[in-house]
Amino acid sequence: MGSRLAQPSLSVQIRKMEQELGVRLFERRRRCTVPTLAGDSFLKQAERVLAEVERLHDQMDDFKELRRGRVAIGVLPRVGTRLLPDILRAYQRRYPEVELMRTEQDLDASSEFQRRVHQGELDLAVVRMPTTLLGLRSQTLVREPIVALLPPGHRLGGQHSVHLAELADEVFVALRSGSGLHTLMKEMCDQAVSSPRCRWKPDSNTTPET
């Protein structure tokens, strides 16, 4: 075990330690200093402690450099299934000591995920835009067009684009209340016209009802 202290300073520190412990750690001879039995035991324990401290520093460096730890992610299933698998696999290959915790919710959890990120319960989340809480930073990952699927012979079927106001009198078939697409459709219709009249489709196994 090496020391970077000058000899006089080292001798002073050893004497102080001996006084504090109440035992002699070294036997001072004419030409050399040798450890006593207590000193030999102390040196072995000190070397183990210093090795543990060094390992602790290495572990803390891993956390600081994001090579170790835990990342909690909130994911909307339809988005996460498409975007995240390749990204998460690549991340795990690069940072194998980081534990990834993924939370999914079937219904539109954008607002809930934003709240949990804001409160520190999640580190990040994949949600619908826009973000609504101050202090959150967002980045667009994907943009998707929204189309109107019209029946054959519909009066607007030949148009290249349709404004929502032109669909004000139409009856919509929509995903169940609470789903992300349903929430988005309702927000868009509320801004353009009025709340849409919908025939809800709770799941893929039921028939739409008026």
C-alpha atoms as a PDB file:
ATOM      1  CA  MET A   1       0.000   0.000   0.000  1.00  0.00           C
ATOM      2  CA  GLY A   2       1.745   3.157  -1.217  1.00  0.00           C
ATOM      3  CA  SER A   3       1.530   6.631   0.258  1.00  0.00           C
ATOM      4  CA  ARG A   4       1.785  10.089  -1.281  1.00  0.00           C
ATOM      5  CA  LEU A   5       2.542  11.782   2.035  1.00  0.00           C
ATOM      6  CA  ALA A   6       6.018  13.049   2.929  1.00  0.00           C
ATOM      7  CA  GLN A   7       7.713  10.986   5.644  1.00  0.00           C
ATOM      8  CA  PRO A   8       7.318  13.545   8.479  1.00  0.00           C
ATOM      9  CA  SER A   9       3.615  14.012   7.700  1.00  0.00           C
ATOM     10  CA  LEU A  10       3.117  10.259   7.484  1.00  0.00           C
ATOM     11  CA  SER A  11       4.799   9.715  10.842  1.00  0.00           C
ATOM     12  CA  VAL A  12       2.551  12.338  12.451  1.00  0.00           C
ATOM     13  CA  GLN A  13      -0.575  10.719  10.991  1.00  0.00           C
ATOM     14  CA  ILE A  14       0.493   7.263  12.206  1.00  0.00           C
ATOM     15  CA  ARG A  15       1.142   8.526  15.752  1.00  0.00           C
ATOM     16  CA  LYS A  16      -2.282  10.222  15.801  1.00  0.00           C
ATOM     17  CA  MET A  17      -3.938   7.016  14.609  1.00  0.00           C
ATOM     18  CA  GLU A  18      -2.102   4.957  17.258  1.00  0.00           C
ATOM     19  CA  GLN A  19      -3.269   7.378  19.951  1.00  0.00           C
ATOM     20  CA  GLU A  20      -6.840   7.190  18.677  1.00  0.00           C
ATOM     21  CA  LEU A  21      -6.821   3.350  18.502  1.00  0.00           C
ATOM     22  CA  GLY A  22      -4.857   2.852  21.706  1.00  0.00           C
ATOM     23  CA  VAL A  23      -2.432   0.360  20.127  1.00  0.00           C
ATOM     24  CA  ARG A  24       0.975   0.528  18.475  1.00  0.00           C
ATOM     25  CA  LEU A  25       0.765  -0.103  14.768  1.00  0.00           C
ATOM     26  CA  PHE A  26       4.492   0.016  14.017  1.00  0.00           C
ATOM     27  CA  GLU A  27       7.652  -0.865  15.843  1.00  0.00           C
ATOM     28  CA  ARG A  28      10.330   1.701  15.207  1.00  0.00           C
ATOM     29  CA  ARG A  29      13.799   0.212  14.993  1.00  0.00           C
ATOM     30  CA  ARG A  30      17.134   1.868  14.374  1.00  0.00           C
ATOM     31  CA  ARG A  31      17.158   1.357  10.596  1.00  0.00           C
ATOM     32  CA  CYS A  32      13.557   0.482   9.762  1.00  0.00           C
ATOM     33  CA  THR A  33       9.969   0.472  10.908  1.00  0.00           C
ATOM     34  CA  VAL A  34       8.006  -2.793  10.906  1.00  0.00           C
ATOM     35  CA  PRO A  35       4.301  -3.371  11.617  1.00  0.00           C
ATOM     36  CA  THR A  36       3.259  -4.905  14.881  1.00  0.00           C
ATOM     37  CA  LEU A  37       0.699  -7.713  14.948  1.00  0.00           C
ATOM     38  CA  ALA A  38      -2.010  -5.053  15.348  1.00  0.00           C
ATOM     39  CA  GLY A  39      -0.425  -3.001  12.588  1.00  0.00           C
ATOM     40  CA  ASP A  40      -0.302  -5.989  10.230  1.00  0.00           C
ATOM     41  CA  SER A  41      -3.995  -6.679  10.851  1.00  0.00           C
ATOM     42  CA  PHE A  42      -4.788  -2.994  10.363  1.00  0.00           C
ATOM     43  CA  LEU A  43      -2.920  -2.888   7.022  1.00  0.00           C
ATOM     44  CA  LYS A  44      -4.788  -5.902   5.664  1.00  0.00           C
ATOM     45  CA  GLN A  45      -8.150  -4.436   6.655  1.00  0.00           C
ATOM     46  CA  ALA A  46      -7.196  -1.014   5.274  1.00  0.00           C
ATOM     47  CA  GLU A  47      -6.221  -2.509   1.916  1.00  0.00           C
ATOM     48  CA  ARG A  48      -9.611  -4.227   1.688  1.00  0.00           C
ATOM     49  CA  VAL A  49     -11.401  -0.987   2.606  1.00  0.00           C
ATOM     50  CA  LEU A  50      -9.452   1.008   0.010  1.00  0.00           C
ATOM     51  CA  ALA A  51     -10.256  -1.605  -2.640  1.00  0.00           C
ATOM     52  CA  GLU A  52     -13.966  -1.327  -1.744  1.00  0.00           C
ATOM     53  CA  VAL A  53     -13.762   2.459  -1.934  1.00  0.00           C
ATOM     54  CA  GLU A  54     -12.176   2.175  -5.373  1.00  0.00           C
ATOM     55  CA  ARG A  55     -14.942  -0.164  -6.532  1.00  0.00           C
ATOM     56  CA  LEU A  56     -17.521   2.239  -5.117  1.00  0.00           C
ATOM     57  CA  HIS A  57     -15.978   5.089  -7.111  1.00  0.00           C
ATOM     58  CA  ASP A  58     -16.139   2.941 -10.261  1.00  0.00           C
ATOM     59  CA  GLN A  59     -19.809   2.146  -9.629  1.00  0.00           C
ATOM     60  CA  MET A  60     -20.642   5.804  -9.059  1.00  0.00           C
ATOM     61  CA  ASP A  61     -18.840   6.676 -12.300  1.00  0.00           C
ATOM     62  CA  ASP A  62     -21.052   4.109 -14.062  1.00  0.00           C
ATOM     63  CA  PHE A  63     -24.155   5.850 -12.706  1.00  0.00           C
ATOM     64  CA  LYS A  64     -22.773   9.257 -13.613  1.00  0.00           C
ATOM     65  CA  GLU A  65     -21.987   8.151 -17.170  1.00  0.00           C
ATOM     66  CA  LEU A  66     -25.369   6.343 -17.442  1.00  0.00           C
ATOM     67  CA  ARG A  67     -23.703   2.936 -17.749  1.00  0.00           C
ATOM     68  CA  ARG A  68     -25.645   1.568 -14.777  1.00  0.00           C
ATOM     69  CA  GLY A  69     -29.034   2.280 -13.188  1.00  0.00           C
ATOM     70  CA  ARG A  70     -32.714   2.110 -14.064  1.00  0.00           C
ATOM     71  CA  VAL A  71     -34.780   3.878 -16.728  1.00  0.00           C
ATOM     72  CA  ALA A  72     -38.584   3.917 -16.350  1.00  0.00           C
ATOM     73  CA  ILE A  73     -40.481   4.464 -19.611  1.00  0.00           C
ATOM     74  CA  GLY A  74     -44.195   5.043 -20.179  1.00  0.00           C
ATOM     75  CA  VAL A  75     -45.428   3.788 -23.545  1.00  0.00           C
ATOM     76  CA  LEU A  76     -48.661   3.972 -25.501  1.00  0.00           C
ATOM     77  CA  PRO A  77     -48.986   0.425 -26.926  1.00  0.00           C
ATOM     78  CA  ARG A  78     -49.761   1.294 -30.558  1.00  0.00           C
ATOM     79  CA  VAL A  79     -46.817   3.689 -30.725  1.00  0.00           C
ATOM     80  CA  GLY A  80     -44.406   1.740 -28.556  1.00  0.00           C
ATOM     81  CA  THR A  81     -44.854  -1.540 -30.420  1.00  0.00           C
ATOM     82  CA  ARG A  82     -43.711   0.093 -33.629  1.00  0.00           C
ATOM     83  CA  LEU A  83     -41.045   2.536 -32.469  1.00  0.00           C
ATOM     84  CA  LEU A  84     -39.318   1.117 -29.415  1.00  0.00           C
ATOM     85  CA  PRO A  85     -38.223  -2.522 -29.887  1.00  0.00           C
ATOM     86  CA  ASP A  86     -35.194  -1.777 -32.098  1.00  0.00           C
ATOM     87  CA  ILE A  87     -34.259   1.296 -30.049  1.00  0.00           C
ATOM     88  CA  LEU A  88     -34.439  -0.580 -26.738  1.00  0.00           C
ATOM     89  CA  ARG A  89     -32.455  -3.542 -28.067  1.00  0.00           C
ATOM     90  CA  ALA A  90     -29.696  -1.237 -29.280  1.00  0.00           C
ATOM     91  CA  TYR A  91     -29.682   0.599 -25.946  1.00  0.00           C
ATOM     92  CA  GLN A  92     -29.417  -2.645 -23.970  1.00  0.00           C
ATOM     93  CA  ARG A  93     -26.500  -3.811 -26.101  1.00  0.00           C
ATOM     94  CA  ARG A  94     -24.683  -0.547 -25.380  1.00  0.00           C
ATOM     95  CA  TYR A  95     -25.657  -0.327 -21.688  1.00  0.00           C
ATOM     96  CA  PRO A  96     -26.249  -3.908 -20.477  1.00  0.00           C
ATOM     97  CA  GLU A  97     -26.149  -2.872 -16.792  1.00  0.00           C
ATOM     98  CA  VAL A  98     -29.063  -0.438 -17.159  1.00  0.00           C
ATOM     99  CA  GLU A  99     -32.449  -1.904 -16.213  1.00  0.00           C
ATOM    100  CA  LEU A 100     -35.292  -0.792 -18.492  1.00  0.00           C
ATOM    101  CA  MET A 101     -38.730  -0.676 -16.868  1.00  0.00           C
ATOM    102  CA  ARG A 102     -41.559  -0.306 -19.388  1.00  0.00           C
ATOM    103  CA  THR A 103     -45.100   0.713 -18.404  1.00  0.00           C
ATOM    104  CA  GLU A 104     -47.946   0.348 -20.916  1.00  0.00           C
ATOM    105  CA  GLN A 105     -51.620   1.290 -20.719  1.00  0.00           C
ATOM    106  CA  ASP A 106     -54.340   0.230 -23.134  1.00  0.00           C
ATOM    107  CA  LEU A 107     -56.262   3.494 -23.076  1.00  0.00           C
ATOM    108  CA  ASP A 108     -54.842   6.897 -23.927  1.00  0.00           C
ATOM    109  CA  ALA A 109     -52.481   7.580 -21.037  1.00  0.00           C
ATOM    110  CA  SER A 110     -50.771  10.648 -22.509  1.00  0.00           C
ATOM    111  CA  SER A 111     -51.912  13.003 -19.737  1.00  0.00           C
ATOM    112  CA  GLU A 112     -51.200  10.434 -17.024  1.00  0.00           C
ATOM    113  CA  PHE A 113     -47.726   9.698 -18.391  1.00  0.00           C
ATOM    114  CA  GLN A 114     -46.957  13.417 -18.582  1.00  0.00           C
ATOM    115  CA  ARG A 115     -47.963  13.800 -14.935  1.00  0.00           C
ATOM    116  CA  ARG A 116     -45.779  10.876 -13.881  1.00  0.00           C
ATOM    117  CA  VAL A 117     -42.761  12.227 -15.777  1.00  0.00           C
ATOM    118  CA  HIS A 118     -43.353  15.650 -14.239  1.00  0.00           C
ATOM    119  CA  GLN A 119     -43.425  14.111 -10.737  1.00  0.00           C
ATOM    120  CA  GLY A 120     -40.358  11.953 -11.344  1.00  0.00           C
ATOM    121  CA  GLU A 121     -42.169   8.600 -11.348  1.00  0.00           C
ATOM    122  CA  LEU A 122     -41.118   8.018 -14.974  1.00  0.00           C
ATOM    123  CA  ASP A 123     -37.915   9.116 -16.672  1.00  0.00           C
ATOM    124  CA  LEU A 124     -39.565   9.562 -20.062  1.00  0.00           C
ATOM    125  CA  ALA A 125     -42.698   8.613 -21.959  1.00  0.00           C
ATOM    126  CA  VAL A 126     -43.901   8.167 -25.528  1.00  0.00           C
ATOM    127  CA  VAL A 127     -47.182  10.111 -25.752  1.00  0.00           C
ATOM    128  CA  ARG A 128     -49.400  12.012 -28.139  1.00  0.00           C
ATOM    129  CA  MET A 129     -48.536  15.621 -28.760  1.00  0.00           C
ATOM    130  CA  PRO A 130     -48.835  18.224 -27.485  1.00  0.00           C
ATOM    131  CA  THR A 131     -47.367  18.140 -23.988  1.00  0.00           C
ATOM    132  CA  THR A 132     -49.407  20.234 -21.576  1.00  0.00           C
ATOM    133  CA  LEU A 133     -47.329  20.489 -18.378  1.00  0.00           C
ATOM    134  CA  LEU A 134     -44.773  23.247 -17.891  1.00  0.00           C
ATOM    135  CA  GLY A 135     -41.198  22.094 -17.472  1.00  0.00           C
ATOM    136  CA  LEU A 136     -41.459  19.057 -19.748  1.00  0.00           C
ATOM    137  CA  ARG A 137     -39.368  18.868 -22.894  1.00  0.00           C
ATOM    138  CA  SER A 138     -40.684  17.025 -25.928  1.00  0.00           C
ATOM    139  CA  GLN A 139     -39.399  15.823 -29.273  1.00  0.00           C
ATOM    140  CA  THR A 140     -41.505  14.624 -32.186  1.00  0.00           C
ATOM    141  CA  LEU A 141     -40.715  10.995 -33.059  1.00  0.00           C
ATOM    142  CA  VAL A 142     -43.192  10.356 -35.841  1.00  0.00           C
ATOM    143  CA  ARG A 143     -45.888  12.192 -37.796  1.00  0.00           C
ATOM    144  CA  GLU A 144     -48.820  10.319 -39.290  1.00  0.00           C
ATOM    145  CA  PRO A 145     -51.560  11.533 -41.660  1.00  0.00           C
ATOM    146  CA  ILE A 146     -55.200  11.212 -40.650  1.00  0.00           C
ATOM    147  CA  VAL A 147     -57.592  10.206 -43.402  1.00  0.00           C
ATOM    148  CA  ALA A 148     -61.372  10.090 -43.723  1.00  0.00           C
ATOM    149  CA  LEU A 149     -62.589   6.663 -44.825  1.00  0.00           C
ATOM    150  CA  LEU A 150     -65.808   7.240 -46.759  1.00  0.00           C
ATOM    151  CA  PRO A 151     -68.343   4.730 -48.162  1.00  0.00           C
ATOM    152  CA  PRO A 152     -68.710   4.239 -51.941  1.00  0.00           C
ATOM    153  CA  GLY A 153     -70.686   6.996 -53.620  1.00  0.00           C
ATOM    154  CA  HIS A 154     -70.207   9.502 -50.783  1.00  0.00           C
ATOM    155  CA  ARG A 155     -70.576  13.121 -51.850  1.00  0.00           C
ATOM    156  CA  LEU A 156     -66.989  13.898 -50.743  1.00  0.00           C
ATOM    157  CA  GLY A 157     -65.428  10.726 -52.124  1.00  0.00           C
ATOM    158  CA  GLY A 158     -63.850  12.374 -55.175  1.00  0.00           C
ATOM    159  CA  GLN A 159     -62.040  15.136 -53.269  1.00  0.00           C
ATOM    160  CA  HIS A 160     -58.289  15.049 -52.687  1.00  0.00           C
ATOM    161  CA  SER A 161     -58.711  16.479 -49.175  1.00  0.00           C
ATOM    162  CA  VAL A 162     -61.610  17.069 -46.820  1.00  0.00           C
ATOM    163  CA  HIS A 163     -62.011  19.729 -44.148  1.00  0.00           C
ATOM    164  CA  LEU A 164     -63.499  18.541 -40.876  1.00  0.00           C
ATOM    165  CA  ALA A 165     -66.224  21.176 -41.133  1.00  0.00           C
ATOM    166  CA  GLU A 166     -67.495  19.312 -44.220  1.00  0.00           C
ATOM    167  CA  LEU A 167     -68.061  16.255 -42.026  1.00  0.00           C
ATOM    168  CA  ALA A 168     -70.081  18.094 -39.388  1.00  0.00           C
ATOM    169  CA  ASP A 169     -73.307  16.262 -40.249  1.00  0.00           C
ATOM    170  CA  GLU A 170     -71.723  12.852 -40.643  1.00  0.00           C
ATOM    171  CA  VAL A 171     -71.908   9.961 -38.174  1.00  0.00           C
ATOM    172  CA  PHE A 172     -68.488   8.570 -37.270  1.00  0.00           C
ATOM    173  CA  VAL A 173     -67.441   5.070 -36.394  1.00  0.00           C
ATOM    174  CA  ALA A 174     -64.698   5.418 -33.789  1.00  0.00           C
ATOM    175  CA  LEU A 175     -62.583   3.384 -31.430  1.00  0.00           C
ATOM    176  CA  ARG A 176     -63.780   3.106 -27.866  1.00  0.00           C
ATOM    177  CA  SER A 177     -63.815   6.143 -25.606  1.00  0.00           C
ATOM    178  CA  GLY A 178     -60.458   6.578 -23.910  1.00  0.00           C
ATOM    179  CA  SER A 179     -58.353   5.302 -26.796  1.00  0.00           C
ATOM    180  CA  GLY A 180     -55.742   7.657 -28.209  1.00  0.00           C
ATOM    181  CA  LEU A 181     -57.283   7.903 -31.686  1.00  0.00           C
ATOM    182  CA  HIS A 182     -60.729   8.555 -30.252  1.00  0.00           C
ATOM    183  CA  THR A 183     -59.401  11.331 -28.020  1.00  0.00           C
ATOM    184  CA  LEU A 184     -57.486  12.876 -30.923  1.00  0.00           C
ATOM    185  CA  MET A 185     -60.511  12.727 -33.236  1.00  0.00           C
ATOM    186  CA  LYS A 186     -62.738  14.360 -30.639  1.00  0.00           C
ATOM    187  CA  GLU A 187     -60.208  17.158 -30.027  1.00  0.00           C
ATOM    188  CA  MET A 188     -59.902  17.858 -33.749  1.00  0.00           C
ATOM    189  CA  CYS A 189     -63.656  17.863 -34.286  1.00  0.00           C
ATOM    190  CA  ASP A 190     -64.213  20.121 -31.269  1.00  0.00           C
ATOM    191  CA  GLN A 191     -61.782  22.646 -32.741  1.00  0.00           C
ATOM    192  CA  ALA A 192     -63.219  22.492 -36.263  1.00  0.00           C
ATOM    193  CA  VAL A 193     -66.945  22.045 -35.745  1.00  0.00           C
ATOM    194  CA  SER A 194     -68.660  20.478 -32.771  1.00  0.00           C
ATOM    195  CA  SER A 195     -68.421  17.215 -30.896  1.00  0.00           C
ATOM    196  CA  PRO A 196     -68.672  14.372 -33.436  1.00  0.00           C
ATOM    197  CA  ARG A 197     -71.683  12.093 -33.510  1.00  0.00           C
ATOM    198  CA  CYS A 198     -70.204   8.643 -33.201  1.00  0.00           C
ATOM    199  CA  ARG A 199     -71.170   5.037 -33.357  1.00  0.00           C
ATOM    200  CA  TRP A 200     -68.760   3.678 -30.790  1.00  0.00           C
ATOM    201  CA  LYS A 201     -66.864   0.492 -31.403  1.00  0.00           C
ATOM    202  CA  PRO A 202     -65.736  -0.660 -27.914  1.00  0.00           C
ATOM    203  CA  ASP A 203     -63.515  -3.455 -29.268  1.00  0.00           C
ATOM    204  CA  SER A 204     -62.924  -5.539 -32.372  1.00  0.00           C
ATOM    205  CA  ASN A 205     -65.482  -8.188 -31.377  1.00  0.00           C
ATOM    206  CA  THR A 206     -68.572  -5.974 -30.984  1.00  0.00           C
ATOM    207  CA  THR A 207     -70.900  -4.281 -33.432  1.00  0.00           C
ATOM    208  CA  PRO A 208     -71.100  -0.454 -33.482  1.00  0.00           C
ATOM    209  CA  GLU A 209     -74.089   0.973 -31.678  1.00  0.00           C
ATOM    210  CA  THR A 210     -75.827   4.287 -32.223  1.00  0.00           C
END
